Structures are given as C-alpha cells and as structure tokens.
Protein backbone atom coordinates (compact mmCIF):
# COMPACT_ATOMS: atom_id res chain seq x y z
CA MET A 1 88.40 4.29 29.24
CA GLN A 2 88.16 6.20 32.27
CA PHE A 3 86.75 4.58 35.39
CA LYS A 4 86.18 1.42 32.98
CA ASP A 5 88.27 -0.45 36.07
CA GLU A 6 85.85 0.25 38.94
CA HIS A 7 83.95 -2.59 40.43
CA PRO A 8 80.00 -2.69 39.09
CA PRO A 9 77.73 -1.16 42.27
CA TYR A 10 75.71 -4.39 42.32
CA ALA A 11 74.61 -3.35 46.59
CA TRP A 12 73.10 -0.66 44.98
CA ALA A 13 71.52 -1.66 41.73
CA GLY A 14 69.98 -4.44 44.48
CA LEU A 15 68.48 -1.42 46.39
CA ALA A 16 67.23 0.27 42.90
CA ALA A 17 65.48 -2.82 42.21
CA LEU A 18 63.70 -3.42 45.54
CA VAL A 19 62.58 0.27 45.59
CA LEU A 20 60.91 -0.40 42.44
CA LEU A 21 59.60 -3.58 43.41
CA ALA A 22 58.19 -1.76 46.14
CA ILE A 23 56.25 0.76 44.10
CA TYR A 24 54.88 -2.43 42.33
CA VAL A 25 54.03 -4.43 45.45
CA ALA A 26 52.06 -1.32 46.38
CA THR A 27 49.99 -1.01 43.44
CA LEU A 28 49.61 -4.59 42.29
CA SER A 29 46.63 -5.82 40.98
CA PRO A 30 44.85 -8.41 43.41
CA THR A 31 43.46 -10.68 40.24
CA THR A 32 43.29 -11.17 36.53
CA ALA A 33 42.45 -8.05 33.93
CA PHE A 34 41.06 -8.18 30.71
CA TRP A 35 42.91 -9.01 27.57
CA ASP A 36 45.58 -11.66 27.87
CA THR A 37 46.10 -12.04 31.40
CA SER A 38 43.61 -14.47 32.13
CA GLU A 39 44.94 -16.37 29.63
CA TYR A 40 48.90 -16.14 31.31
CA ILE A 41 47.92 -17.03 34.57
CA ALA A 42 45.97 -19.86 33.23
CA ALA A 43 48.47 -20.91 30.99
CA ALA A 44 51.05 -20.85 34.03
CA LYS A 45 48.60 -22.82 36.13
CA VAL A 46 48.06 -25.75 33.96
CA LEU A 47 51.51 -25.16 32.01
CA GLY A 48 49.91 -24.80 28.88
CA ILE A 49 50.42 -23.63 25.71
CA PRO A 50 49.01 -19.78 24.86
CA HIS A 51 47.82 -18.08 21.71
CA PRO A 52 51.28 -18.15 19.03
CA PRO A 53 54.24 -17.80 19.58
CA GLY A 54 53.27 -20.21 22.29
CA ASN A 55 55.66 -18.37 25.14
CA PRO A 56 57.27 -21.41 26.36
CA LEU A 57 59.65 -19.91 28.00
CA PHE A 58 57.05 -17.94 30.30
CA THR A 59 55.07 -20.49 30.88
CA VAL A 60 57.71 -23.11 32.66
CA VAL A 61 59.12 -20.26 34.27
CA ALA A 62 56.26 -18.72 35.56
CA HIS A 63 54.62 -22.18 36.31
CA THR A 64 57.61 -22.43 38.56
CA TRP A 65 57.27 -19.41 40.63
CA GLY A 66 53.53 -20.12 40.92
CA LEU A 67 54.44 -23.27 42.89
CA ILE A 68 55.71 -21.34 45.72
CA PRO A 69 53.27 -20.03 47.48
CA TRP A 70 54.11 -15.81 47.64
CA ALA A 71 50.68 -15.64 48.26
CA ALA A 72 47.34 -17.12 48.70
CA ASP A 73 45.67 -16.08 45.50
CA TYR A 74 47.60 -17.77 42.51
CA ALA A 75 47.01 -14.79 40.51
CA VAL A 76 48.68 -12.35 43.23
CA ARG A 77 51.75 -14.65 42.49
CA ILE A 78 51.64 -14.60 38.81
CA ASN A 79 50.88 -10.73 38.72
CA LEU A 80 53.99 -10.65 41.18
CA PHE A 81 56.05 -12.63 38.93
CA ALA A 82 55.62 -9.71 36.32
CA ALA A 83 56.95 -6.74 39.51
CA VAL A 84 59.90 -9.15 39.93
CA THR A 85 60.89 -9.22 36.91
CA SER A 86 60.30 -5.66 35.92
CA ALA A 87 62.01 -4.94 39.18
CA LEU A 88 65.02 -6.40 38.42
CA ALA A 89 65.61 -5.16 34.64
CA GLY A 90 64.86 -1.69 36.61
CA GLY A 91 68.36 -3.16 38.51
CA LEU A 92 70.34 -4.25 35.73
CA TRP A 93 69.51 -0.53 33.93
CA PHE A 94 71.10 0.85 36.83
CA LEU A 95 74.40 -1.05 36.22
CA VAL A 96 74.42 0.00 32.35
CA ALA A 97 73.25 3.78 33.52
CA GLU A 98 75.93 3.97 36.35
CA ARG A 99 78.75 3.13 33.79
CA TRP A 100 77.53 5.01 30.85
CA MET A 101 78.01 8.04 33.13
CA ARG A 102 81.42 7.40 34.45
CA ALA A 103 82.94 10.04 32.46
CA ILE A 104 79.94 12.28 32.70
CA VAL A 105 79.86 12.31 36.58
CA PRO A 106 82.93 11.36 38.72
CA ILE A 107 81.97 12.03 42.09
CA ARG A 108 80.15 8.21 42.82
CA TRP A 109 77.45 9.17 45.32
CA ALA A 110 75.99 11.87 42.69
CA ARG A 111 76.41 9.02 40.03
CA TYR A 112 74.55 6.58 41.78
CA ALA A 113 72.00 9.54 42.77
CA ALA A 114 71.36 9.83 38.92
CA ALA A 115 71.62 6.53 37.52
CA PHE A 116 68.84 5.91 40.42
CA ALA A 117 66.93 8.49 39.06
CA GLY A 118 67.20 7.47 35.75
CA VAL A 119 66.20 4.00 36.69
CA LEU A 120 63.07 5.70 38.65
CA ILE A 121 62.12 7.57 35.72
CA ALA A 122 62.02 4.14 33.62
CA GLY A 123 60.20 2.14 36.19
CA THR A 124 57.60 4.71 37.25
CA ALA A 125 56.86 5.62 33.37
CA TRP A 126 53.12 5.10 32.78
CA THR A 127 53.21 1.89 30.40
CA VAL A 128 55.82 0.27 32.23
CA TRP A 129 54.66 0.82 35.59
CA ASN A 130 51.14 -0.40 34.29
CA GLN A 131 52.21 -3.67 33.01
CA SER A 132 54.64 -4.43 35.91
CA VAL A 133 51.47 -4.93 38.46
CA VAL A 134 49.55 -7.39 36.15
CA ASN A 135 50.67 -9.99 33.87
CA GLU A 136 48.79 -9.05 31.19
CA LYS A 137 51.57 -9.74 28.60
CA VAL A 138 54.79 -11.57 28.90
CA TYR A 139 56.80 -8.28 28.42
CA THR A 140 58.05 -7.87 31.60
CA LEU A 141 59.96 -10.93 31.21
CA SER A 142 61.18 -9.87 27.75
CA MET A 143 62.38 -6.27 28.67
CA LEU A 144 64.22 -8.19 31.72
CA SER A 145 66.33 -9.79 28.92
CA VAL A 146 66.70 -6.83 27.08
CA ALA A 147 68.47 -5.27 30.03
CA LEU A 148 70.62 -8.52 30.45
CA VAL A 149 72.14 -8.56 27.26
CA VAL A 150 72.52 -4.77 26.88
CA TRP A 151 74.51 -5.30 30.49
CA LEU A 152 76.36 -7.97 29.27
CA ALA A 153 77.68 -6.14 26.09
CA VAL A 154 78.51 -3.50 28.80
CA HIS A 155 80.39 -5.96 30.94
CA TRP A 156 81.95 -7.64 27.93
CA GLY A 157 83.54 -4.18 26.37
CA ASP A 158 85.42 -3.58 29.92
CA ALA A 159 87.15 -7.40 29.77
CA GLU A 160 90.52 -7.71 28.85
CA PRO A 161 90.22 -9.57 25.82
CA GLY A 162 90.69 -13.18 25.16
CA PRO A 163 89.00 -16.94 25.07
CA ALA A 164 87.59 -15.74 28.85
CA ARG A 165 85.98 -12.28 27.33
CA ASP A 166 84.76 -14.52 24.41
CA ARG A 167 82.35 -16.48 26.47
CA TRP A 168 80.70 -13.43 27.61
CA LEU A 169 79.39 -13.15 23.60
CA ILE A 170 78.32 -16.43 23.81
CA LEU A 171 76.21 -16.06 26.93
CA VAL A 172 74.85 -13.22 25.23
CA GLY A 173 73.86 -15.39 22.22
CA TYR A 174 72.49 -17.97 24.36
CA VAL A 175 70.29 -15.68 26.36
CA LEU A 176 69.06 -14.01 22.85
CA ALA A 177 67.81 -17.63 21.61
CA LEU A 178 66.48 -18.21 25.09
CA THR A 179 64.64 -15.14 25.56
CA SER A 180 63.57 -15.33 21.76
CA THR A 181 60.95 -18.71 23.06
CA ASN A 182 59.01 -16.10 25.42
CA HIS A 183 58.67 -13.42 22.71
CA LEU A 184 60.81 -11.89 19.85
CA MET A 185 60.63 -8.54 21.98
CA GLY A 186 63.72 -10.24 23.73
CA VAL A 187 66.10 -9.91 21.21
CA LEU A 188 66.28 -6.20 20.48
CA GLY A 189 68.84 -5.56 22.85
CA ALA A 190 71.24 -7.56 20.07
CA PRO A 191 71.84 -4.22 18.09
CA ALA A 192 73.27 -2.82 21.33
CA VAL A 193 75.82 -5.68 21.22
CA VAL A 194 76.63 -5.44 18.27
CA VAL A 195 77.55 -1.84 18.07
CA TYR A 196 79.83 -2.53 21.60
CA VAL A 197 81.54 -5.37 18.79
CA LEU A 198 82.47 -3.40 15.99
CA TRP A 199 83.39 -0.75 18.25
CA THR A 200 85.45 -2.32 21.13
CA GLU A 201 87.04 -5.49 18.95
CA PRO A 202 86.08 -5.77 15.19
CA ARG A 203 88.04 -8.81 14.63
CA VAL A 204 86.26 -10.93 16.91
CA ILE A 205 83.80 -11.62 14.02
CA PHE A 206 86.42 -13.49 11.80
CA LYS A 207 87.12 -16.01 15.06
CA PRO A 208 85.73 -19.34 14.32
CA TRP A 209 83.15 -19.47 16.47
CA ALA A 210 81.34 -16.10 15.82
CA PRO A 211 80.00 -16.76 12.72
CA LEU A 212 78.60 -19.71 13.71
CA LEU A 213 77.25 -18.13 17.03
CA GLY A 214 75.79 -15.34 14.70
CA TRP A 215 74.42 -17.67 11.94
CA PHE A 216 72.64 -20.27 14.11
CA LEU A 217 71.02 -17.74 16.58
CA ALA A 218 69.76 -15.82 13.49
CA ILE A 219 68.15 -18.76 12.19
CA ALA A 220 66.88 -19.78 15.35
CA VAL A 221 65.63 -16.84 16.04
CA PHE A 222 63.20 -16.40 12.77
CA ASN A 223 62.48 -20.36 12.91
CA HIS A 224 64.56 -21.63 10.28
CA LEU A 225 66.42 -24.09 11.90
CA PRO A 226 63.85 -26.58 10.24
CA ASP A 227 65.01 -25.76 6.93
CA LEU A 228 68.19 -27.90 8.09
CA ALA A 229 66.07 -31.05 7.95
CA HIS A 230 64.71 -30.28 4.60
CA PRO A 231 67.35 -29.01 2.81
CA GLY A 232 65.98 -29.61 -1.07
CA ALA A 233 62.93 -28.33 -0.30
CA GLY A 234 62.81 -25.02 -1.77
CA PRO A 235 65.34 -21.31 -2.41
CA THR A 236 65.45 -20.92 0.93
CA GLU A 237 65.87 -24.33 2.55
CA ILE A 238 69.11 -24.46 -0.10
CA LEU A 239 70.38 -21.30 1.10
CA VAL A 240 70.56 -22.04 4.87
CA THR A 241 71.89 -25.36 4.12
CA VAL A 242 74.88 -23.90 1.77
CA ILE A 243 75.71 -20.92 4.42
CA THR A 244 75.64 -23.54 7.40
CA LEU A 245 77.93 -25.82 5.87
CA ALA A 246 80.09 -23.17 4.41
CA LEU A 247 80.18 -21.46 7.98
CA ILE A 248 80.99 -25.07 9.36
CA ALA A 249 83.81 -25.39 6.74
CA TYR A 250 85.00 -22.11 7.49
CA ALA A 251 85.29 -22.86 11.42
CA VAL A 252 87.28 -26.27 11.34
CA TRP A 253 89.28 -24.70 8.23
CA ARG A 254 90.63 -21.91 10.86
CA ASP A 255 90.64 -24.38 13.86
CA PRO A 256 89.14 -27.57 14.27
CA LYS A 257 89.49 -27.91 18.13
CA ASP A 258 88.36 -24.89 18.90
CA GLN A 259 85.76 -25.40 22.03
CA LEU A 260 84.16 -22.15 21.61
CA ALA A 261 82.55 -23.21 18.35
CA TYR A 262 81.25 -25.73 19.54
CA LEU A 263 80.05 -24.40 22.45
CA ALA A 264 78.62 -21.38 20.54
CA VAL A 265 76.44 -23.75 18.53
CA GLY A 266 75.27 -25.33 21.69
CA ALA A 267 74.77 -22.70 23.49
CA VAL A 268 71.94 -21.52 20.62
CA LEU A 269 70.79 -24.75 20.36
CA VAL A 270 69.94 -25.34 24.28
CA GLY A 271 68.65 -21.93 24.32
CA ILE A 272 65.95 -22.60 21.51
CA SER A 273 65.03 -26.28 22.46
CA LEU A 274 61.90 -25.04 24.38
CA ASN A 275 60.25 -24.10 20.67
CA TYR A 276 61.18 -27.26 19.02
CA ILE A 277 61.56 -29.84 21.83
CA TYR A 278 59.00 -28.56 24.65
CA LEU A 279 56.49 -27.43 23.18
CA PRO A 280 55.47 -30.45 20.60
CA ILE A 281 56.17 -32.82 23.19
CA ARG A 282 54.02 -30.35 25.87
CA ALA A 283 51.34 -29.99 23.20
CA ALA A 284 51.26 -34.00 22.68
CA GLN A 285 50.08 -34.28 26.16
CA TYR A 286 47.12 -32.04 25.69
CA PRO A 287 47.06 -29.53 28.25
CA PRO A 288 43.57 -27.44 28.81
CA ILE A 289 45.16 -24.58 26.95
CA ASN A 290 46.22 -25.88 23.86
CA GLU A 291 46.26 -23.32 21.12
CA GLY A 292 47.96 -24.27 17.81
CA GLU A 293 48.50 -27.69 18.65
CA PRO A 294 51.97 -27.77 17.82
CA ILE A 295 52.10 -31.47 18.11
CA GLY A 296 55.05 -32.99 16.09
CA PHE A 297 58.82 -32.37 16.27
CA LEU A 298 59.45 -29.77 13.12
CA SER A 299 55.65 -30.29 11.95
CA GLN A 300 53.40 -27.76 10.08
CA ALA A 301 51.78 -26.98 13.33
CA LEU A 302 55.02 -26.13 15.47
CA SER A 303 55.91 -23.94 12.45
CA ASP A 304 52.65 -22.61 12.33
CA VAL A 305 52.52 -21.10 16.02
CA LEU A 306 55.81 -20.06 16.03
CA ASN A 307 55.45 -17.83 12.70
CA ARG A 308 52.25 -16.58 14.09
CA VAL A 309 50.88 -17.76 10.92
CA GLN A 310 47.18 -17.30 12.26
CA TYR A 311 47.13 -13.60 12.50
CA GLY A 312 47.61 -13.08 8.59
CA LYS A 313 49.96 -10.09 9.24
CA PRO A 314 50.61 -8.75 5.66
CA SER A 315 53.86 -7.64 4.15
CA LEU A 316 55.91 -4.82 5.45
CA MET A 317 55.78 -3.23 2.02
CA ASP A 318 51.75 -3.44 2.53
CA ARG A 319 51.75 -0.93 5.19
CA GLN A 320 48.06 -1.31 7.26
CA ALA A 321 48.65 2.72 8.35
CA PRO A 322 50.91 5.24 6.56
CA PHE A 323 54.29 5.04 8.13
CA TRP A 324 53.69 8.61 9.72
CA TYR A 325 50.62 7.86 11.42
CA GLN A 326 52.04 4.96 12.76
CA MET A 327 54.72 7.01 14.24
CA GLY A 328 52.08 9.74 15.40
CA THR A 329 50.54 6.59 17.47
CA PHE A 330 53.61 5.84 18.81
CA PHE A 331 54.57 9.80 20.20
CA GLN A 332 50.97 9.53 21.45
CA TYR A 333 51.98 6.68 23.73
CA PHE A 334 55.47 8.30 24.28
CA GLY A 335 53.57 11.69 25.76
CA TRP A 336 51.11 9.23 28.35
CA GLN A 337 54.64 8.15 29.77
CA TRP A 338 55.78 10.82 32.13
CA ALA A 339 52.40 12.31 33.78
CA ARG A 340 49.54 11.03 32.16
CA THR A 341 47.23 11.24 35.40
CA TRP A 342 47.96 15.65 35.50
CA ASN A 343 46.20 16.05 32.11
CA GLY A 344 47.20 19.94 32.48
CA PHE A 345 50.72 19.28 32.82
CA SER A 346 51.08 16.69 30.80
CA GLY A 347 52.62 18.30 27.98
CA ILE A 348 55.03 19.71 29.82
CA ALA A 349 56.03 16.97 31.60
CA THR A 350 56.90 15.17 28.48
CA PHE A 351 58.54 18.34 26.75
CA LEU A 352 60.95 17.71 30.17
CA PHE A 353 61.77 14.14 29.56
CA THR A 354 62.34 14.59 25.81
CA PHE A 355 64.58 17.50 26.74
CA LEU A 356 66.57 15.62 29.32
CA GLY A 357 66.54 12.66 27.07
CA LEU A 358 68.31 14.53 24.32
CA SER A 359 70.16 15.85 27.15
CA GLY A 360 71.38 12.62 27.97
CA LEU A 361 72.43 10.90 24.64
CA VAL A 362 74.68 14.46 23.77
CA GLY A 363 76.51 14.37 27.05
CA LEU A 364 77.25 10.54 26.43
CA TRP A 365 78.13 11.30 22.76
CA ARG A 366 80.61 13.86 23.35
CA VAL A 367 81.98 11.46 26.23
CA ASP A 368 81.76 7.55 25.21
CA ARG A 369 80.78 7.16 21.31
CA ARG A 370 80.46 3.58 22.04
CA ALA A 371 78.13 3.89 24.55
CA ALA A 372 76.45 6.71 22.33
CA TYR A 373 75.87 4.64 19.28
CA ALA A 374 75.02 1.65 21.53
CA ALA A 375 72.25 3.83 23.23
CA ILE A 376 70.84 5.23 20.13
CA ALA A 377 70.68 1.81 18.38
CA LEU A 378 69.05 0.45 21.51
CA LEU A 379 66.45 3.13 21.02
CA GLY A 380 66.39 3.02 17.48
CA THR A 381 65.52 -0.35 17.13
CA LEU A 382 62.59 -0.17 19.98
CA SER A 383 60.63 2.38 18.53
CA VAL A 384 61.13 3.77 15.20
CA ALA A 385 62.45 -0.09 14.01
CA LEU A 386 59.40 -1.80 15.86
CA VAL A 387 56.74 0.71 14.27
CA VAL A 388 57.80 -0.56 10.97
CA TYR A 389 58.20 -4.17 12.07
CA MET A 390 55.03 -4.50 13.83
CA ASN A 391 52.90 -2.34 10.93
CA PHE A 392 49.98 -1.88 12.98
CA LYS A 393 46.46 -0.08 11.82
CA TYR A 394 45.33 3.37 12.26
CA GLY A 395 45.69 3.66 16.74
CA PHE A 396 42.68 2.82 18.66
CA SER A 397 42.02 6.22 19.99
CA ILE A 398 44.28 8.69 18.40
CA ASP A 399 42.09 11.66 16.82
CA TRP A 400 42.97 11.94 13.30
CA GLN A 401 39.95 14.51 12.35
CA GLN A 402 40.44 14.19 9.06
CA LEU A 403 40.13 10.23 8.41
CA GLY A 404 36.60 9.73 10.08
CA ASN A 405 35.41 6.76 11.76
CA ASN A 406 35.84 4.54 8.68
CA VAL A 407 39.47 3.62 8.66
CA PRO A 408 40.56 0.35 9.82
CA ARG A 409 41.90 0.77 13.80
CA GLU A 410 43.73 -1.23 16.23
CA VAL A 411 41.26 -3.23 18.74
CA ARG A 412 42.86 -1.64 21.72
CA GLU A 413 46.02 0.34 22.90
CA ARG A 414 48.92 -1.33 21.78
CA ASP A 415 51.49 1.15 24.16
CA TYR A 416 52.73 -2.02 25.42
CA PHE A 417 54.88 -2.59 22.66
CA PHE A 418 56.79 -0.11 22.72
CA MET A 419 57.28 -0.49 26.98
CA GLY A 420 61.43 -0.86 26.18
CA ALA A 421 61.51 2.03 24.59
CA PHE A 422 59.78 4.33 27.34
CA ALA A 423 62.52 2.61 30.01
CA VAL A 424 64.98 3.00 28.00
CA TRP A 425 64.22 6.61 27.39
CA GLY A 426 63.67 7.15 31.12
CA ILE A 427 67.43 5.80 31.35
CA CYS A 428 68.69 8.39 29.21
CA ALA A 429 66.73 11.17 31.22
CA GLY A 430 68.35 9.97 34.13
CA LEU A 431 71.82 10.15 32.01
CA GLY A 432 70.54 13.99 31.32
CA ILE A 433 69.95 14.36 34.86
CA GLY A 434 73.41 13.84 35.70
CA VAL A 435 74.92 16.09 32.34
CA TRP A 436 73.15 19.24 33.72
CA MET A 437 74.26 18.28 37.53
CA ARG A 438 77.77 18.26 35.77
CA LEU A 439 77.12 21.81 34.42
CA ILE A 440 75.52 23.10 37.51
CA ALA A 441 78.71 21.69 39.52
CA ASP A 442 81.38 23.42 36.98
CA PHE A 443 79.10 26.83 36.70
CA THR A 444 79.23 27.21 40.59
CA THR A 445 82.77 27.09 40.89
CA ARG A 446 82.95 29.48 43.87
CA ALA A 447 80.43 26.99 46.06
CA GLY A 448 83.62 25.82 47.90
CA THR A 449 85.25 22.08 47.48
CA ALA A 450 84.04 19.81 44.53
CA PRO A 451 81.92 18.12 46.53
CA ALA A 452 79.84 21.48 48.05
CA ARG A 453 79.53 22.16 44.53
CA TRP A 454 77.80 18.59 43.52
CA ILE A 455 75.77 19.20 46.31
CA VAL A 456 74.41 22.35 45.01
CA SER A 457 72.83 20.39 42.08
CA THR A 458 71.11 17.64 44.08
CA PRO A 459 67.69 19.50 44.13
CA LEU A 460 67.58 18.75 40.13
CA LEU A 461 67.17 15.10 41.27
CA ALA A 462 63.44 16.05 42.67
CA VAL A 463 62.41 15.55 38.66
CA ALA A 464 62.75 12.09 39.23
CA ILE A 465 59.38 11.89 41.26
CA ILE A 466 57.00 13.40 39.05
CA PRO A 467 56.18 10.47 36.61
CA PHE A 468 55.50 8.87 40.56
CA PHE A 469 53.29 11.30 41.45
CA GLY A 470 51.99 11.94 37.63
CA ASN A 471 51.07 8.06 36.90
CA ARG A 472 50.33 6.84 40.14
CA ALA A 473 46.69 6.88 39.83
CA THR A 474 46.01 5.52 36.32
CA ALA A 475 48.66 3.42 36.49
CA SER A 476 48.22 1.33 39.53
CA ARG A 477 46.13 -1.68 39.56
CA ALA A 478 45.01 -2.27 43.16
CA HIS A 479 41.74 -2.02 43.01
CA GLU A 480 40.70 -3.62 39.54
CA THR A 481 38.45 -6.90 39.95
CA VAL A 482 36.38 -6.43 37.33
CA ALA A 483 37.30 -8.84 35.10
CA ARG A 484 37.23 -11.57 37.71
CA ASP A 485 34.01 -10.47 39.09
CA LEU A 486 32.58 -10.41 35.26
CA ALA A 487 33.94 -14.15 34.95
CA VAL A 488 32.30 -15.37 38.20
CA ASP A 489 28.90 -13.52 37.18
CA MET A 490 29.01 -15.21 33.79
CA LEU A 491 29.75 -18.72 35.30
CA GLN A 492 27.08 -18.77 37.59
CA SER A 493 24.49 -17.58 35.11
CA VAL A 494 24.46 -20.81 33.58
CA ALA A 495 22.77 -23.96 34.61
CA PRO A 496 24.99 -27.34 35.48
CA TYR A 497 26.63 -28.88 32.20
CA GLY A 498 25.74 -25.67 30.28
CA ILE A 499 27.37 -24.03 27.01
CA LEU A 500 28.55 -20.36 26.72
CA ILE A 501 29.19 -18.72 23.54
CA THR A 502 31.50 -16.28 23.95
CA ALA A 503 32.57 -12.80 21.76
CA GLY A 504 36.63 -12.47 22.30
CA ASP A 505 39.28 -12.60 24.64
CA ASN A 506 37.42 -10.29 27.15
CA ASP A 507 35.17 -13.05 27.65
CA THR A 508 36.85 -16.07 27.03
CA PHE A 509 40.21 -16.30 28.66
CA PRO A 510 38.84 -14.63 32.00
CA LEU A 511 36.34 -17.68 31.83
CA TRP A 512 39.47 -19.81 31.30
CA PHE A 513 40.48 -18.44 34.74
CA ALA A 514 37.73 -18.46 36.65
CA GLN A 515 37.29 -22.07 36.01
C-alpha cells in the first residue's frame, strides 16, 4: 500500500501526547471525588482489592506509580496516573490516525496536522477529558490498552510476513490477556485486530500457534481457565477441556518444534496471572481493602470476584430496558461530548462532529478498505455491542416523558463506559478533517503549487478546538474538593472509637480515602 514503508512519526505522537497531558494537568483534580475515585485511590495506596473484578493490574501499576513523589498529595499522584495513561492513549491514536490518513492526505505536514486535530478532538471530548483528570475509574488504563492493541495491529499489517511479524500478534495476545486483569473494556480492540488479520494474511489462522493463542486468550479473558482443572465437572468444563486438547494435538501434529506455539500459550498465561496468582495471594494477606476476599487458587470466591457475581446482572436476553431506549441513552451521552458547556451550540457541534466522523469513515472506505473495516468494527464494538452487553436500565437523566418516573433507572450516568467510542469517533472526525482538506486542496487548483493549495485548507483545522472551549468549564475538575471535605467533616463528627453507619459508595469510599 502507498506510504506503507514510511517511518511512524513517534516524535510527533509524543508531542501530541504532551499537549493532551498539559491540558489534563491544568484541569487536574486536586483531591478525590465521588463514586469509585476514593476506593481506587485507597486501594492503590494499600495495594488492596477493590470491588469485582478486583482490577489487579490497576492496583499494582497505580501503587508503583504512587510511590514516586510526582506530587506531595497522594490523590494528585493517582489522578496524574489517569492523565498520563489517557495522554499516552492519545499519542497512540495519533500514530493510528496518521497511518490511516496516508492515502487521504499525501502532504506530510498536513497529515500530521489533521491527525493532531483528531487527537485533540478525541482527548477533549467531554467524557474522555472528565475521566482523564481524576481517577474515578480504571478506564483510562483500558483505553490506553485499546489504543496500543489497535496500533500493534496496524504496525503488524505493514510488516513483512514471517516469524518476526508473527511475534507481533503474540504480543497483541499478551496485551489483551494483561489488560483483561484491569477491566474487560481493554479487550474491545480485539475485533479490529481480527479484521487486520483476516484482510492481510488470513492463512495465519492455520499456523499451529494461532489457534492456541486465540483459544487460550478466549478462555483466559472469560475466566474459563479453571475449567481445565475440573475437566469432568460439567458440560462446559468437558467442552473446554476437549477443545484445548484438540488444539494442542493439532499444534503438535503440525510442528512439535514450533517455538511460537509455546510462546503464544506462555504469553497468555503470564498476562492473565495477575487474576489467578496475584489476587488469591494478596487476598490471603488481608489488606485493609479486600472486597470479595478471593482467597484460594481456583476457589469459588476467586471465581465469583472475576465473574462479578455480586452484581446479579440478568441474561442478555432479558433486557433491563428496550434496546432502542438503551441506544437512546448512548446517543444522549454522544451529544454531550463536543460542546457540553455551550447549551445553545451543543446540538450544532454534535451535528458537525457527526458529519466529520462519517466523512472520515467514507474517505477511509474509498482508499483503504482494511482500515475502514477495522475502524467500523472498533466503533461497533465500543458502542452498539457494548450497549447490548452492558444491558443498562433506563438512563439516569434522559427525559422519557411517556415513561414517567416509575421505570427502573441507573443510579448514575454511565457515559464513562463509552469513552472509548467517543475517543475513536474523535479520531474519525480528524480523518474527516483530512478528507475535507484534500477536497479543498483539489478544488483550488489555481492557487499555485501543491503546498500552497494545502495551506488554503488549513483554516478547517480550527474546528478541532471547539470541544476544548466547549467543554473546559464542565470537564475540568481543578476546583472540586467536596468529596474530601465531606469525608473529613464526617470523621470529625464522630467521637474516638465511634461507629459510622454509611449509606452507599459516596459515603463509604471517601471515608476510606480520608482514613
């Protein structure tokens, strides 16, 4: 493919990440916040186990990060961890956008500018920005994993066939297994990888190591590895064991000396080990935060934590709200992303960035079907498929007038689950800017040389600053201290050795933080 051999602009990607990081640091929360923020900060501090699925990757990495005195206040250090991981994701999205845009924007400086515009749009989308300035969840680390997996797939697609390129896919398998020990959101980049493999070299799936990699990754991510320890316990365990033995036999039959087969299985097992080795060991040490107490290797308690049994989610066939209502809530959140502070202009901004994103996908479809299918698969997984899987109740604040107030609603807004979709759409909007820059440059054929024609199109880049100015007042957390102040006041109201009876996360978690 054209421009395939051009060296990736890592330095420019680093600059894009630094720009995002500067924005996040300027609007960083100075302390904790409500909901899960305090729990995760406290869990990182004591190397504890937060609510299921336990998030061991986050607690280990954030604990290590928190040992470095980036700031005097520990909460600021962990909030900075969210900012850095989100900014790094932006740098990786720059690499992806620049690679996908090479056949659309042939002028290098214009391509870099359009890719940066996409990163700025993605990084200042309301939910992405709001989650990047306080460690409310573990999703910035997951978003970094998604961006890394997609970039590795893009890089793999440009490499020469052979064992060296095969190792890139094994690295992808390792990253997917590892990120699943943080949150399953991190594995949602896998469909884009599948598109790249099937489009670029479909024969790779018949190599001895490939089925082993895919199968072990699937049973590891969906917590079926323990089934191999109980092969006759039930139909599921029997099926998992039979398929595993059949794939091992296939690999041995094809090439018993294939080192990549052993490397593939080993990469997945090492990546998933935080779930099956670290969690039970740390739980047995009874840290101050030890939710679910997943003590014991392959124990029922560990299985319940990893499978989130406590949430009691119904079957996907048993919808907690009609699917179209659930999609309506998603589109409500989508409408928040582009200029939430500007109430009167918000709808116009949503239309503009919807149009730019669609333009980017259409432009990509015309010049690079592989990348277009990967982008569509990624967006579909991060939006529609996630809506189906999460199966939320009616939205917390969406106004369904015909329903009244008696329908079951979510206890809070759930926009953060879809921050990956909003980020990827921002990248697609950057592609759209590149498409329209190309159209303007082609239309102004009388403007002189090619660089001059592209300069004429540069004012279009200004749309990338709309989310920055349209979200900065509400996405910023720079002055939020209410959760910390409430927790301190509650503790000071109790006599020594007194007992506080709390009413939920927003009471309990800030108290953990304050203690």
